[in-house]
Amino acid sequence: MTNEEGYNGWSNYETWNVALWIDNDEGSYNYWRERSREILESDLSDDFAPPERKAVWLLADEIKDTIEDMSPLASEASLYSDLLGAALSEVDWREIAEHYLEEVQVEA
């Protein structure tokens, strides 16, 4: 899941930072854990990908879309919105999704 050159056990600073903010907000943390459970309990049958991989893709896309949609700078063209966009493009969304899916599976 991570490499030796990562940041605090995550692949990079940007991924760690997003995961930290999600984990430190009780509502957000509980929401993503519940979504993880729902995705794991849904029908993930697919001719092209194993269910575990599909679960990661689905959750990663949802987390990414939600975080990006929440950006207060999303509709602006500025130095700050460009920098924020660049930072978010470095986030390993699948790594965050794997973190939540593994956490929920361990509890089951």
Protein backbone atom coordinates (compact mmCIF):
# COMPACT_ATOMS: atom_id res chain seq x y z
CA MET A 1 0.00 0.00 0.00
CA THR A 2 2.85 2.44 0.70
CA ASN A 3 6.49 2.77 -0.11
CA GLU A 4 9.58 3.79 1.85
CA GLU A 5 9.60 7.24 0.28
CA GLY A 6 6.05 8.01 1.36
CA TYR A 7 4.78 10.24 4.12
CA ASN A 8 3.70 8.97 7.56
CA GLY A 9 2.82 5.55 6.14
CA TRP A 10 1.03 6.91 3.07
CA SER A 11 2.33 7.16 -0.51
CA ASN A 12 2.77 10.95 -0.34
CA TYR A 13 1.95 14.06 1.66
CA GLU A 14 -1.17 14.91 -0.33
CA THR A 15 -2.71 11.47 0.22
CA TRP A 16 -1.81 11.52 3.92
CA ASN A 17 -3.31 15.01 4.31
CA VAL A 18 -6.65 14.14 2.70
CA ALA A 19 -6.89 10.90 4.70
CA LEU A 20 -6.02 12.78 7.89
CA TRP A 21 -8.77 15.37 7.33
CA ILE A 22 -11.33 12.67 6.56
CA ASP A 23 -10.31 10.64 9.62
CA ASN A 24 -10.31 13.64 11.95
CA ASP A 25 -13.83 14.76 11.04
CA GLU A 26 -16.21 12.38 12.81
CA GLY A 27 -19.06 12.87 10.33
CA SER A 28 -16.82 12.37 7.32
CA TYR A 29 -15.07 9.39 8.88
CA ASN A 30 -18.37 7.68 9.73
CA TYR A 31 -19.81 8.47 6.30
CA TRP A 32 -16.90 6.88 4.38
CA ARG A 33 -16.86 3.84 6.63
CA GLU A 34 -20.59 3.36 6.00
CA ARG A 35 -20.13 3.83 2.24
CA SER A 36 -17.34 1.24 2.38
CA ARG A 37 -19.71 -1.23 4.04
CA GLU A 38 -22.46 -0.52 1.51
CA ILE A 39 -20.13 -1.00 -1.43
CA LEU A 40 -18.77 -4.27 -0.03
CA GLU A 41 -22.32 -5.53 0.52
CA SER A 42 -23.48 -4.57 -2.99
CA ASP A 43 -23.36 -6.77 -6.08
CA LEU A 44 -19.87 -6.23 -7.46
CA SER A 45 -19.96 -8.98 -10.04
CA ASP A 46 -18.22 -7.93 -13.19
CA ASP A 47 -16.76 -9.76 -16.16
CA PHE A 48 -13.72 -7.50 -16.21
CA ALA A 49 -12.58 -7.04 -12.61
CA PRO A 50 -12.62 -8.96 -9.35
CA PRO A 51 -15.08 -7.63 -6.74
CA GLU A 52 -12.31 -6.38 -4.43
CA ARG A 53 -10.79 -4.26 -7.19
CA LYS A 54 -14.18 -2.94 -8.28
CA ALA A 55 -14.96 -1.93 -4.67
CA VAL A 56 -11.72 0.06 -4.52
CA TRP A 57 -12.45 1.79 -7.84
CA LEU A 58 -16.01 2.70 -6.84
CA LEU A 59 -15.08 4.05 -3.42
CA ALA A 60 -12.00 5.89 -4.71
CA ASP A 61 -14.07 7.64 -7.39
CA GLU A 62 -16.72 8.65 -4.84
CA ILE A 63 -14.16 10.03 -2.40
CA LYS A 64 -12.33 11.93 -5.16
CA ASP A 65 -15.51 13.42 -6.60
CA THR A 66 -16.80 14.45 -3.16
CA ILE A 67 -13.55 16.09 -2.08
CA GLU A 68 -13.15 17.91 -5.39
CA ASP A 69 -16.78 19.06 -5.38
CA MET A 70 -16.34 20.48 -1.86
CA SER A 71 -13.50 22.76 -2.96
CA PRO A 72 -14.34 26.39 -2.23
CA LEU A 73 -12.08 27.34 -5.16
CA ALA A 74 -13.54 24.98 -7.76
CA SER A 75 -15.24 27.70 -9.79
CA GLU A 76 -12.36 30.19 -9.58
CA ALA A 77 -9.43 30.72 -11.91
CA SER A 78 -6.55 31.78 -9.72
CA LEU A 79 -3.09 30.88 -8.52
CA TYR A 80 -4.69 29.28 -5.45
CA SER A 81 -7.19 27.18 -7.34
CA ASP A 82 -4.39 25.97 -9.65
CA LEU A 83 -2.22 25.01 -6.67
CA LEU A 84 -5.11 23.24 -4.96
CA GLY A 85 -5.91 21.38 -8.16
CA ALA A 86 -2.28 20.34 -8.52
CA ALA A 87 -2.17 19.08 -4.94
CA LEU A 88 -5.41 17.10 -5.36
CA SER A 89 -4.08 15.54 -8.55
CA GLU A 90 -1.30 13.96 -6.46
CA VAL A 91 -3.71 12.22 -4.06
CA ASP A 92 -3.78 8.44 -4.37
CA TRP A 93 -7.54 8.04 -4.07
CA ARG A 94 -7.32 4.26 -4.36
CA GLU A 95 -4.98 4.12 -1.38
CA ILE A 96 -7.52 6.01 0.74
CA ALA A 97 -10.32 3.73 -0.49
CA GLU A 98 -8.25 0.64 0.32
CA HIS A 99 -7.69 2.02 3.82
CA TYR A 100 -11.43 2.30 4.50
CA LEU A 101 -12.35 -0.99 2.85
CA GLU A 102 -9.67 -2.87 4.81
CA GLU A 103 -10.76 -1.22 8.05
CA VAL A 104 -14.38 -2.27 7.54
CA GLN A 105 -13.40 -5.82 6.48
CA VAL A 106 -11.27 -6.29 9.59
CA GLU A 107 -14.29 -5.48 11.77
CA ALA A 108 -16.56 -7.92 9.95
